[in-house]
């Protein structure tokens, strides 16, 4: 089957399992579709992942973008055959002991993360997490680099340099920020006080670019 000529739309979709079904193909060929985000349910082993991403790419021209939440720590969708990556808070601890070494480690980690994903047909990592660790978020926790916004910006920039070396772009998240709320926004409505919103300075998003 030849790829269908179709410009990319604005919607990123998921797929059901480890291979595309008829319904997946129908949805991914919709003109509004522009990308696919993969989850643990879409992964069995490295060979299967390469087959799945190749199948997704073959549907359209230009091919759909393929992304995954792959941060390290507890948010690493692919494990068998992949390097087990530490949570970003480990880089924050390294930062407290020596900033230069922490930046080198962040860049090296970014390269490994991105190179492995690129080798399996994935275009984008939904990382890094840029939330400030206020020590209170149930969903962020060790996913955050640090409690200091400037440390977060510098570590994120180094991680993204590693991504770039491997030929991958990253997606910084979450905006406007999840580090100062208790619940998981996937499952609950969130609110925060005006005092808390004013408690940390904003760092320009450009500083992590």
N, C-alpha and C. Protein backbone atom coordinates (compact mmCIF):
# COMPACT_ATOMS: atom_id res chain seq x y z
N UNK A 1 0.85 -1.18 0.00
CA UNK A 1 0.00 0.00 0.00
C UNK A 1 0.88 1.24 0.00
N UNK A 2 0.68 2.15 -0.95
CA UNK A 2 1.46 3.37 -1.01
C UNK A 2 0.94 4.39 0.00
N UNK A 3 1.86 5.24 0.48
CA UNK A 3 1.48 6.25 1.46
C UNK A 3 0.54 7.27 0.82
N UNK A 4 -0.46 7.68 1.59
CA UNK A 4 -1.42 8.67 1.10
C UNK A 4 -0.85 10.08 1.27
N UNK A 5 -0.84 10.87 0.20
CA UNK A 5 -0.38 12.25 0.27
C UNK A 5 -1.41 13.07 1.04
N UNK A 6 -1.00 13.57 2.20
CA UNK A 6 -1.94 14.26 3.08
C UNK A 6 -1.14 15.12 4.05
N UNK A 7 -1.39 16.41 4.07
CA UNK A 7 -0.66 17.29 4.98
C UNK A 7 -1.01 16.97 6.43
N UNK A 8 -0.10 17.30 7.33
CA UNK A 8 -0.30 16.98 8.74
C UNK A 8 -1.31 17.92 9.38
N UNK A 9 -2.22 17.34 10.15
CA UNK A 9 -3.20 18.12 10.88
C UNK A 9 -2.72 18.44 12.28
N UNK A 10 -3.58 19.06 13.10
CA UNK A 10 -3.17 19.54 14.43
C UNK A 10 -3.39 18.55 15.57
N UNK A 11 -3.96 17.36 15.30
CA UNK A 11 -4.37 16.47 16.37
C UNK A 11 -3.39 15.31 16.52
N UNK A 12 -2.98 15.04 17.77
CA UNK A 12 -2.16 13.88 18.07
C UNK A 12 -3.04 12.81 18.70
N UNK A 13 -3.00 11.61 18.15
CA UNK A 13 -3.86 10.51 18.57
C UNK A 13 -3.05 9.38 19.19
N UNK A 14 -3.74 8.45 19.85
CA UNK A 14 -3.09 7.23 20.29
C UNK A 14 -3.60 6.06 19.46
N UNK A 15 -2.98 4.89 19.65
CA UNK A 15 -3.44 3.68 18.97
C UNK A 15 -3.66 2.60 20.01
N UNK A 16 -4.42 1.57 19.60
CA UNK A 16 -4.94 0.63 20.58
C UNK A 16 -3.90 -0.33 21.15
N UNK A 17 -3.06 -0.93 20.29
CA UNK A 17 -2.21 -2.01 20.77
C UNK A 17 -0.83 -1.99 20.15
N UNK A 18 -0.25 -3.20 19.97
CA UNK A 18 1.13 -3.32 19.50
C UNK A 18 1.23 -3.35 17.98
N UNK A 19 0.11 -3.36 17.29
CA UNK A 19 0.07 -3.24 15.83
C UNK A 19 -1.19 -2.47 15.47
N UNK A 20 -1.20 -1.88 14.28
CA UNK A 20 -2.36 -1.09 13.88
C UNK A 20 -3.52 -1.98 13.47
N UNK A 21 -4.71 -1.65 13.98
CA UNK A 21 -5.93 -2.27 13.53
C UNK A 21 -6.62 -1.41 12.49
N UNK A 22 -7.69 -1.91 11.95
CA UNK A 22 -8.41 -1.18 10.91
C UNK A 22 -8.92 0.16 11.43
N UNK A 23 -9.39 0.20 12.66
CA UNK A 23 -9.90 1.45 13.21
C UNK A 23 -8.78 2.44 13.43
N UNK A 24 -7.60 1.95 13.88
CA UNK A 24 -6.44 2.83 14.02
C UNK A 24 -6.10 3.48 12.68
N UNK A 25 -6.04 2.67 11.63
CA UNK A 25 -5.67 3.19 10.32
C UNK A 25 -6.67 4.24 9.84
N UNK A 26 -7.94 3.95 10.06
CA UNK A 26 -8.98 4.91 9.64
C UNK A 26 -8.79 6.25 10.34
N UNK A 27 -8.55 6.23 11.64
CA UNK A 27 -8.40 7.48 12.38
C UNK A 27 -7.11 8.20 11.99
N UNK A 28 -6.03 7.46 11.79
CA UNK A 28 -4.75 8.09 11.46
C UNK A 28 -4.73 8.67 10.04
N UNK A 29 -5.65 8.25 9.21
CA UNK A 29 -5.76 8.81 7.88
C UNK A 29 -6.73 10.00 7.82
N UNK A 30 -7.30 10.37 8.95
CA UNK A 30 -8.18 11.53 8.98
C UNK A 30 -7.35 12.79 8.73
N UNK A 31 -7.86 13.75 7.96
CA UNK A 31 -7.09 14.96 7.66
C UNK A 31 -6.64 15.77 8.88
N UNK A 32 -7.35 15.65 10.00
CA UNK A 32 -6.96 16.41 11.20
C UNK A 32 -5.82 15.75 11.97
N UNK A 33 -5.52 14.49 11.69
CA UNK A 33 -4.45 13.79 12.40
C UNK A 33 -3.09 14.33 11.96
N UNK A 34 -2.21 14.52 12.95
CA UNK A 34 -0.86 14.99 12.64
C UNK A 34 0.22 14.19 13.35
N UNK A 35 -0.18 13.39 14.32
CA UNK A 35 0.82 12.63 15.05
C UNK A 35 0.20 11.53 15.89
N UNK A 36 1.08 10.69 16.43
CA UNK A 36 0.68 9.56 17.27
C UNK A 36 1.52 9.60 18.53
N UNK A 37 0.89 9.43 19.69
CA UNK A 37 1.63 9.28 20.93
C UNK A 37 1.51 7.84 21.39
N UNK A 38 2.64 7.23 21.70
CA UNK A 38 2.69 5.83 22.10
C UNK A 38 2.73 5.70 23.62
N UNK A 39 2.21 4.57 24.11
CA UNK A 39 2.18 4.28 25.53
C UNK A 39 2.77 2.88 25.78
N UNK A 40 2.85 2.50 27.04
CA UNK A 40 3.39 1.18 27.37
C UNK A 40 2.61 0.05 26.70
N UNK A 41 1.32 0.24 26.52
CA UNK A 41 0.49 -0.81 25.90
C UNK A 41 0.86 -1.04 24.44
N UNK A 42 1.57 -0.09 23.85
CA UNK A 42 1.97 -0.20 22.45
C UNK A 42 3.34 -0.84 22.29
N UNK A 43 3.94 -1.29 23.39
CA UNK A 43 5.31 -1.82 23.36
C UNK A 43 5.36 -3.23 23.90
N UNK A 44 5.94 -4.14 23.10
CA UNK A 44 6.21 -5.51 23.57
C UNK A 44 7.71 -5.76 23.63
N UNK A 45 8.42 -5.35 22.60
CA UNK A 45 9.87 -5.50 22.54
C UNK A 45 10.40 -4.57 21.45
N UNK A 46 11.72 -4.38 21.37
CA UNK A 46 12.26 -3.42 20.41
C UNK A 46 11.90 -3.73 18.95
N UNK A 47 11.93 -4.98 18.54
CA UNK A 47 11.61 -5.31 17.14
C UNK A 47 10.16 -4.95 16.82
N UNK A 48 9.26 -5.27 17.74
CA UNK A 48 7.85 -4.93 17.53
C UNK A 48 7.66 -3.43 17.42
N UNK A 49 8.39 -2.67 18.26
CA UNK A 49 8.26 -1.21 18.22
C UNK A 49 8.71 -0.66 16.88
N UNK A 50 9.81 -1.16 16.34
CA UNK A 50 10.27 -0.71 15.03
C UNK A 50 9.23 -1.02 13.95
N UNK A 51 8.61 -2.18 14.04
CA UNK A 51 7.58 -2.54 13.07
C UNK A 51 6.38 -1.62 13.18
N UNK A 52 5.98 -1.30 14.41
CA UNK A 52 4.82 -0.43 14.60
C UNK A 52 5.10 0.98 14.07
N UNK A 53 6.25 1.54 14.41
CA UNK A 53 6.54 2.90 13.93
C UNK A 53 6.68 2.93 12.41
N UNK A 54 7.25 1.87 11.83
CA UNK A 54 7.35 1.81 10.37
C UNK A 54 5.97 1.74 9.73
N UNK A 55 5.07 0.99 10.37
CA UNK A 55 3.70 0.87 9.87
C UNK A 55 2.99 2.22 9.93
N UNK A 56 3.20 2.96 11.01
CA UNK A 56 2.57 4.28 11.14
C UNK A 56 3.13 5.22 10.08
N UNK A 57 4.44 5.20 9.87
CA UNK A 57 5.07 6.09 8.90
C UNK A 57 4.61 5.80 7.47
N UNK A 58 4.32 4.54 7.20
CA UNK A 58 3.96 4.14 5.83
C UNK A 58 2.56 4.58 5.43
N UNK A 59 1.78 5.05 6.38
CA UNK A 59 0.39 5.41 6.08
C UNK A 59 0.27 6.67 5.24
N UNK A 60 1.15 7.66 5.53
CA UNK A 60 0.94 8.99 4.96
C UNK A 60 2.26 9.61 4.51
N UNK A 61 2.12 10.57 3.59
CA UNK A 61 3.26 11.35 3.13
C UNK A 61 2.88 12.83 3.14
N UNK A 62 3.51 13.66 4.00
CA UNK A 62 4.59 13.31 4.92
C UNK A 62 4.11 12.41 6.06
N UNK A 63 5.03 11.65 6.67
CA UNK A 63 4.60 10.72 7.71
C UNK A 63 4.14 11.43 8.97
N UNK A 64 3.24 10.79 9.69
CA UNK A 64 2.80 11.29 10.98
C UNK A 64 3.98 11.36 11.95
N UNK A 65 3.99 12.39 12.79
CA UNK A 65 4.97 12.46 13.86
C UNK A 65 4.65 11.41 14.92
N UNK A 66 5.69 10.81 15.47
CA UNK A 66 5.51 9.78 16.50
C UNK A 66 6.21 10.25 17.77
N UNK A 67 5.47 10.26 18.88
CA UNK A 67 5.98 10.78 20.15
C UNK A 67 5.73 9.78 21.26
N UNK A 68 6.41 10.00 22.39
CA UNK A 68 6.21 9.15 23.56
C UNK A 68 6.62 9.94 24.81
N UNK A 69 5.91 9.69 25.91
CA UNK A 69 6.35 10.18 27.22
C UNK A 69 7.47 9.27 27.70
N UNK A 70 8.68 9.76 27.64
CA UNK A 70 9.85 8.92 27.95
C UNK A 70 10.84 9.83 28.66
N UNK A 71 10.68 9.96 29.98
CA UNK A 71 11.43 10.93 30.76
C UNK A 71 12.57 10.31 31.56
N UNK A 72 12.47 9.03 31.85
CA UNK A 72 13.31 8.41 32.86
C UNK A 72 12.55 8.26 34.16
N UNK A 73 13.10 7.47 35.08
CA UNK A 73 12.40 7.22 36.34
C UNK A 73 11.12 6.44 36.09
N UNK A 74 10.03 6.84 36.76
CA UNK A 74 8.79 6.08 36.66
C UNK A 74 8.02 6.35 35.37
N UNK A 75 8.43 7.37 34.61
CA UNK A 75 7.77 7.64 33.33
C UNK A 75 8.74 7.29 32.21
N UNK A 76 8.83 6.00 31.93
CA UNK A 76 9.63 5.48 30.83
C UNK A 76 8.80 4.37 30.19
N UNK A 77 8.19 4.67 29.05
CA UNK A 77 7.21 3.76 28.46
C UNK A 77 7.84 2.48 27.91
N UNK A 78 9.08 2.57 27.44
CA UNK A 78 9.75 1.42 26.84
C UNK A 78 10.91 1.02 27.76
N UNK A 79 10.95 -0.24 28.15
CA UNK A 79 11.98 -0.68 29.10
C UNK A 79 12.82 -1.84 28.57
N UNK A 80 12.20 -2.92 28.14
CA UNK A 80 12.98 -4.05 27.65
C UNK A 80 13.81 -3.63 26.43
N UNK A 81 15.12 -3.83 26.51
CA UNK A 81 15.99 -3.46 25.41
C UNK A 81 16.39 -1.99 25.38
N UNK A 82 15.92 -1.22 26.36
CA UNK A 82 16.27 0.20 26.47
C UNK A 82 17.06 0.43 27.76
N UNK A 83 17.89 1.46 27.75
CA UNK A 83 18.61 1.85 28.96
C UNK A 83 17.61 2.30 30.02
N UNK A 84 17.78 1.80 31.23
CA UNK A 84 16.94 2.25 32.34
C UNK A 84 17.46 3.61 32.78
N UNK A 85 16.65 4.64 32.61
CA UNK A 85 17.07 6.01 32.84
C UNK A 85 16.66 6.48 34.24
N UNK A 86 17.51 7.25 34.90
CA UNK A 86 17.14 7.74 36.23
C UNK A 86 16.09 8.84 36.15
N UNK A 87 15.40 9.05 37.25
CA UNK A 87 14.49 10.20 37.34
C UNK A 87 15.30 11.49 37.28
N UNK A 88 14.68 12.55 36.76
CA UNK A 88 15.40 13.81 36.61
C UNK A 88 15.83 14.41 37.95
N UNK A 89 15.16 14.04 39.03
CA UNK A 89 15.58 14.54 40.35
C UNK A 89 17.00 14.09 40.69
N UNK A 90 17.45 12.98 40.11
CA UNK A 90 18.83 12.55 40.34
C UNK A 90 19.82 13.56 39.78
N UNK A 91 19.49 14.15 38.63
CA UNK A 91 20.34 15.20 38.08
C UNK A 91 20.32 16.43 38.98
N UNK A 92 19.18 16.70 39.59
CA UNK A 92 19.11 17.82 40.54
C UNK A 92 20.01 17.59 41.74
N UNK A 93 20.07 16.36 42.21
CA UNK A 93 20.96 16.05 43.34
C UNK A 93 22.42 16.22 42.92
N UNK A 94 22.73 15.80 41.69
CA UNK A 94 24.08 16.01 41.17
C UNK A 94 24.41 17.50 41.08
N UNK A 95 23.42 18.29 40.68
CA UNK A 95 23.60 19.74 40.58
C UNK A 95 24.02 20.33 41.93
N UNK A 96 23.41 19.86 42.99
CA UNK A 96 23.74 20.37 44.33
C UNK A 96 25.16 20.04 44.73
N UNK A 97 25.73 18.99 44.15
CA UNK A 97 27.09 18.58 44.47
C UNK A 97 28.12 19.19 43.52
N UNK A 98 27.70 19.54 42.31
CA UNK A 98 28.62 20.13 41.34
C UNK A 98 27.91 20.42 40.04
N UNK A 99 27.74 21.69 39.72
CA UNK A 99 26.90 22.06 38.58
C UNK A 99 27.51 21.61 37.26
N UNK A 100 28.80 21.74 37.09
CA UNK A 100 29.42 21.39 35.81
C UNK A 100 29.25 19.91 35.50
N UNK A 101 29.49 19.08 36.49
CA UNK A 101 29.32 17.64 36.29
C UNK A 101 27.86 17.30 36.01
N UNK A 102 26.94 17.96 36.70
CA UNK A 102 25.52 17.70 36.48
C UNK A 102 25.10 18.05 35.06
N UNK A 103 25.62 19.12 34.53
CA UNK A 103 25.29 19.51 33.16
C UNK A 103 25.84 18.52 32.15
N UNK A 104 27.04 18.01 32.40
CA UNK A 104 27.59 16.97 31.50
C UNK A 104 26.72 15.72 31.54
N UNK A 105 26.34 15.32 32.74
CA UNK A 105 25.50 14.12 32.88
C UNK A 105 24.15 14.31 32.20
N UNK A 106 23.57 15.51 32.35
CA UNK A 106 22.27 15.78 31.72
C UNK A 106 22.37 15.68 30.21
N UNK A 107 23.43 16.22 29.63
CA UNK A 107 23.59 16.14 28.18
C UNK A 107 23.81 14.70 27.72
N UNK A 108 24.61 13.95 28.45
CA UNK A 108 24.84 12.55 28.10
C UNK A 108 23.55 11.74 28.20
N UNK A 109 22.79 11.98 29.26
CA UNK A 109 21.52 11.28 29.44
C UNK A 109 20.55 11.62 28.31
N UNK A 110 20.51 12.90 27.94
CA UNK A 110 19.64 13.30 26.84
C UNK A 110 20.01 12.62 25.54
N UNK A 111 21.30 12.48 25.29
CA UNK A 111 21.73 11.80 24.06
C UNK A 111 21.29 10.34 24.06
N UNK A 112 21.51 9.64 25.16
CA UNK A 112 21.12 8.22 25.23
C UNK A 112 19.62 8.06 25.04
N UNK A 113 18.84 8.86 25.77
CA UNK A 113 17.38 8.80 25.67
C UNK A 113 16.93 8.99 24.22
N UNK A 114 17.43 10.06 23.59
CA UNK A 114 16.98 10.40 22.24
C UNK A 114 17.50 9.43 21.19
N UNK A 115 18.76 9.00 21.31
CA UNK A 115 19.33 8.09 20.32
C UNK A 115 18.59 6.77 20.30
N UNK A 116 18.22 6.27 21.46
CA UNK A 116 17.49 4.99 21.51
C UNK A 116 16.10 5.14 20.90
N UNK A 117 15.43 6.23 21.19
CA UNK A 117 14.10 6.43 20.60
C UNK A 117 14.19 6.60 19.08
N UNK A 118 15.15 7.40 18.62
CA UNK A 118 15.29 7.61 17.17
C UNK A 118 15.57 6.30 16.46
N UNK A 119 16.36 5.43 17.08
CA UNK A 119 16.69 4.13 16.47
C UNK A 119 15.47 3.23 16.34
N UNK A 120 14.40 3.57 17.05
CA UNK A 120 13.17 2.77 17.00
C UNK A 120 12.04 3.53 16.31
N UNK A 121 12.38 4.59 15.60
CA UNK A 121 11.38 5.27 14.77
C UNK A 121 10.55 6.31 15.47
N UNK A 122 10.98 6.76 16.65
CA UNK A 122 10.22 7.77 17.40
C UNK A 122 10.83 9.14 17.14
N UNK A 123 9.99 10.14 16.87
CA UNK A 123 10.44 11.48 16.51
C UNK A 123 10.62 12.42 17.69
N UNK A 124 9.75 12.31 18.68
CA UNK A 124 9.70 13.29 19.76
C UNK A 124 9.59 12.61 21.11
N UNK A 125 10.38 13.09 22.08
CA UNK A 125 10.17 12.71 23.47
C UNK A 125 9.40 13.82 24.16
N UNK A 126 8.33 13.48 24.84
CA UNK A 126 7.58 14.46 25.61
C UNK A 126 8.33 14.70 26.93
N UNK A 127 9.43 15.39 26.81
CA UNK A 127 10.34 15.69 27.90
C UNK A 127 11.20 16.87 27.44
N UNK A 128 11.74 17.65 28.36
CA UNK A 128 11.82 17.42 29.80
C UNK A 128 10.66 18.03 30.59
N UNK A 129 10.49 17.53 31.80
CA UNK A 129 9.57 18.13 32.76
C UNK A 129 10.22 19.39 33.31
N UNK A 130 9.53 20.51 33.22
CA UNK A 130 10.06 21.80 33.66
C UNK A 130 9.37 22.32 34.92
N UNK A 131 8.55 21.49 35.54
CA UNK A 131 7.86 21.90 36.75
C UNK A 131 8.85 22.12 37.89
N UNK A 132 8.52 23.06 38.76
CA UNK A 132 9.31 23.31 39.96
C UNK A 132 8.88 22.33 41.05
N UNK A 133 9.85 21.69 41.68
CA UNK A 133 9.53 20.75 42.74
C UNK A 133 9.27 21.49 44.05
N UNK A 134 8.00 21.61 44.40
CA UNK A 134 7.62 22.24 45.66
C UNK A 134 7.46 21.21 46.77
N UNK A 135 7.76 19.94 46.46
CA UNK A 135 7.65 18.89 47.47
C UNK A 135 6.24 18.54 47.85
N UNK A 136 5.27 18.82 46.96
CA UNK A 136 3.88 18.58 47.33
C UNK A 136 3.06 17.90 46.23
N UNK A 137 3.55 17.85 45.00
CA UNK A 137 2.76 17.29 43.91
C UNK A 137 2.85 15.77 43.88
N UNK A 138 1.69 15.11 43.88
CA UNK A 138 1.66 13.66 43.82
C UNK A 138 2.10 13.13 42.46
N UNK A 139 1.84 13.89 41.41
CA UNK A 139 2.10 13.40 40.06
C UNK A 139 3.48 13.79 39.55
N UNK A 140 4.08 14.86 40.09
CA UNK A 140 5.39 15.29 39.62
C UNK A 140 6.50 14.62 40.43
N UNK A 141 6.65 14.94 41.67
CA UNK A 141 7.64 14.29 42.51
C UNK A 141 9.03 14.30 41.89
N UNK A 142 9.64 13.12 41.75
CA UNK A 142 11.01 13.01 41.25
C UNK A 142 11.12 13.23 39.74
N UNK A 143 10.00 13.48 39.09
CA UNK A 143 10.06 13.83 37.66
C UNK A 143 10.66 15.22 37.47
N UNK A 144 10.59 16.07 38.47
CA UNK A 144 11.14 17.43 38.39
C UNK A 144 12.64 17.39 38.65
N UNK A 145 13.37 18.28 37.98
CA UNK A 145 14.81 18.37 38.20
C UNK A 145 15.15 18.88 39.59
N UNK A 146 14.42 19.93 40.04
CA UNK A 146 14.92 20.67 41.20
C UNK A 146 13.82 21.59 41.71
N UNK A 147 14.09 22.23 42.83
CA UNK A 147 13.19 23.25 43.37
C UNK A 147 13.60 24.66 42.94
N UNK A 148 14.78 24.82 42.34
CA UNK A 148 15.28 26.11 41.90
C UNK A 148 15.02 26.28 40.41
N UNK A 149 14.21 27.26 40.01
CA UNK A 149 13.89 27.41 38.58
C UNK A 149 15.11 27.57 37.68
N UNK A 150 16.15 28.23 38.19
CA UNK A 150 17.33 28.41 37.34
C UNK A 150 18.09 27.10 37.15
N UNK A 151 18.15 26.27 38.17
CA UNK A 151 18.75 24.95 38.03
C UNK A 151 17.96 24.12 37.02
N UNK A 152 16.63 24.21 37.09
CA UNK A 152 15.78 23.49 36.14
C UNK A 152 16.07 23.94 34.72
N UNK A 153 16.15 25.25 34.49
CA UNK A 153 16.39 25.77 33.15
C UNK A 153 17.74 25.30 32.61
N UNK A 154 18.79 25.34 33.44
CA UNK A 154 20.12 24.95 32.97
C UNK A 154 20.20 23.45 32.69
N UNK A 155 19.60 22.63 33.57
CA UNK A 155 19.62 21.18 33.36
C UNK A 155 18.79 20.79 32.14
N UNK A 156 17.65 21.44 31.97
CA UNK A 156 16.80 21.16 30.81
C UNK A 156 17.52 21.53 29.52
N UNK A 157 18.21 22.67 29.52
CA UNK A 157 18.96 23.08 28.33
C UNK A 157 20.02 22.04 27.99
N UNK A 158 20.73 21.54 28.99
CA UNK A 158 21.75 20.52 28.75
C UNK A 158 21.14 19.23 28.22
N UNK A 159 20.01 18.82 28.81
CA UNK A 159 19.33 17.61 28.33
C UNK A 159 18.95 17.76 26.87
N UNK A 160 18.41 18.93 26.51
CA UNK A 160 17.99 19.18 25.13
C UNK A 160 19.17 19.25 24.17
N UNK A 161 20.35 19.66 24.65
CA UNK A 161 21.54 19.59 23.80
C UNK A 161 21.84 18.14 23.44
N UNK A 162 21.67 17.24 24.42
CA UNK A 162 21.84 15.82 24.14
C UNK A 162 20.83 15.31 23.14
N UNK A 163 19.57 15.75 23.28
CA UNK A 163 18.55 15.39 22.29
C UNK A 163 19.00 15.82 20.90
N UNK A 164 19.45 17.07 20.81
CA UNK A 164 19.82 17.62 19.50
C UNK A 164 20.97 16.83 18.89
N UNK A 165 21.94 16.42 19.70
CA UNK A 165 23.05 15.61 19.20
C UNK A 165 22.55 14.33 18.55
N UNK A 166 21.47 13.78 19.08
CA UNK A 166 20.91 12.53 18.56
C UNK A 166 19.87 12.76 17.47
N UNK A 167 19.61 14.02 17.12
CA UNK A 167 18.67 14.32 16.05
C UNK A 167 17.22 14.33 16.47
N UNK A 168 16.96 14.66 17.73
CA UNK A 168 15.58 14.67 18.24
C UNK A 168 15.26 15.99 18.89
N UNK A 169 14.00 16.39 18.79
CA UNK A 169 13.49 17.55 19.53
C UNK A 169 12.76 17.07 20.78
N UNK A 170 12.70 17.94 21.77
CA UNK A 170 11.95 17.63 22.98
C UNK A 170 10.73 18.52 23.11
N UNK A 171 9.90 18.22 24.08
CA UNK A 171 8.68 18.99 24.35
C UNK A 171 8.67 19.29 25.85
N UNK A 172 8.98 20.53 26.21
CA UNK A 172 8.95 20.91 27.62
C UNK A 172 7.53 20.92 28.16
N UNK A 173 7.38 20.49 29.39
CA UNK A 173 6.06 20.43 30.03
C UNK A 173 6.26 20.59 31.54
N UNK A 174 5.27 21.01 32.27
CA UNK A 174 3.88 21.29 31.93
C UNK A 174 3.67 22.80 32.09
N UNK A 175 2.83 23.38 31.30
CA UNK A 175 2.56 24.80 31.39
C UNK A 175 1.07 25.00 31.68
N UNK A 176 0.72 25.80 32.68
CA UNK A 176 1.54 26.76 33.42
C UNK A 176 2.29 26.19 34.61
N UNK A 177 2.24 24.90 34.85
CA UNK A 177 3.01 24.32 35.94
C UNK A 177 2.16 23.41 36.80
N UNK A 178 2.77 22.29 37.23
CA UNK A 178 2.04 21.28 38.00
C UNK A 178 2.70 21.03 39.35
N UNK A 179 3.84 21.67 39.60
CA UNK A 179 4.62 21.31 40.78
C UNK A 179 4.05 21.76 42.10
N UNK A 180 3.07 22.68 42.08
CA UNK A 180 2.55 23.23 43.34
C UNK A 180 1.12 22.79 43.62
N UNK A 181 0.66 21.73 42.95
CA UNK A 181 -0.69 21.22 43.23
C UNK A 181 -0.58 19.75 43.62
N UNK A 182 -1.49 19.32 44.48
CA UNK A 182 -1.40 17.97 45.03
C UNK A 182 -1.87 16.90 44.05
N UNK A 183 -2.99 17.12 43.41
CA UNK A 183 -3.65 16.05 42.66
C UNK A 183 -3.09 15.92 41.25
N UNK A 184 -3.50 14.87 40.57
CA UNK A 184 -3.13 14.60 39.18
C UNK A 184 -4.18 15.22 38.27
N UNK A 185 -3.76 16.13 37.40
CA UNK A 185 -4.71 16.84 36.55
C UNK A 185 -5.38 15.94 35.51
N UNK A 186 -4.85 14.73 35.31
CA UNK A 186 -5.54 13.78 34.43
C UNK A 186 -6.86 13.30 35.04
N UNK A 187 -6.94 13.38 36.38
CA UNK A 187 -8.08 12.77 37.06
C UNK A 187 -8.85 13.73 37.97
N UNK A 188 -8.34 14.94 38.19
CA UNK A 188 -9.00 15.83 39.14
C UNK A 188 -8.89 17.27 38.66
N UNK A 189 -9.83 18.10 39.12
CA UNK A 189 -9.77 19.53 38.86
C UNK A 189 -8.78 20.15 39.84
N UNK A 190 -7.98 21.10 39.36
CA UNK A 190 -6.91 21.66 40.17
C UNK A 190 -7.15 23.13 40.43
N UNK A 191 -6.67 23.60 41.56
CA UNK A 191 -6.68 25.02 41.86
C UNK A 191 -5.46 25.31 42.72
N UNK A 192 -5.04 26.57 42.72
CA UNK A 192 -3.91 26.97 43.54
C UNK A 192 -4.15 28.40 44.01
N UNK A 193 -3.56 28.75 45.11
CA UNK A 193 -3.79 30.08 45.68
C UNK A 193 -3.00 31.13 44.92
N UNK A 194 -3.49 32.36 44.98
CA UNK A 194 -2.75 33.47 44.36
C UNK A 194 -1.39 33.64 45.02
N UNK A 195 -1.31 33.39 46.32
CA UNK A 195 -0.03 33.50 47.01
C UNK A 195 0.98 32.51 46.44
N UNK A 196 0.55 31.30 46.20
CA UNK A 196 1.45 30.29 45.66
C UNK A 196 1.85 30.64 44.24
N UNK A 197 0.90 31.18 43.46
CA UNK A 197 1.23 31.55 42.09
C UNK A 197 2.29 32.64 42.03
N UNK A 198 2.35 33.48 43.08
CA UNK A 198 3.34 34.55 43.11
C UNK A 198 4.62 34.16 43.82
N UNK A 199 4.71 32.92 44.31
CA UNK A 199 5.81 32.57 45.20
C UNK A 199 7.11 32.27 44.48
N UNK A 200 7.08 32.03 43.17
CA UNK A 200 8.28 31.74 42.42
C UNK A 200 8.37 32.65 41.21
N UNK A 201 9.57 33.13 40.87
CA UNK A 201 9.71 33.93 39.65
C UNK A 201 9.56 33.06 38.42
N UNK A 202 9.03 33.65 37.36
CA UNK A 202 8.96 32.93 36.09
C UNK A 202 10.30 33.03 35.39
N UNK A 203 10.74 31.92 34.81
CA UNK A 203 11.95 31.90 34.01
C UNK A 203 11.50 31.86 32.55
N UNK A 204 12.10 32.70 31.73
CA UNK A 204 11.72 32.74 30.31
C UNK A 204 11.84 31.36 29.70
N UNK A 205 10.81 30.96 28.94
CA UNK A 205 10.87 29.68 28.25
C UNK A 205 12.04 29.63 27.27
N UNK A 206 12.47 30.79 26.79
CA UNK A 206 13.59 30.82 25.87
C UNK A 206 14.86 30.33 26.54
N UNK A 207 14.98 30.46 27.87
CA UNK A 207 16.22 30.09 28.55
C UNK A 207 16.48 28.60 28.51
N UNK A 208 15.47 27.78 28.27
CA UNK A 208 15.65 26.33 28.17
C UNK A 208 15.75 25.88 26.74
N UNK A 209 15.77 26.79 25.80
CA UNK A 209 15.80 26.42 24.39
C UNK A 209 17.20 26.22 23.87
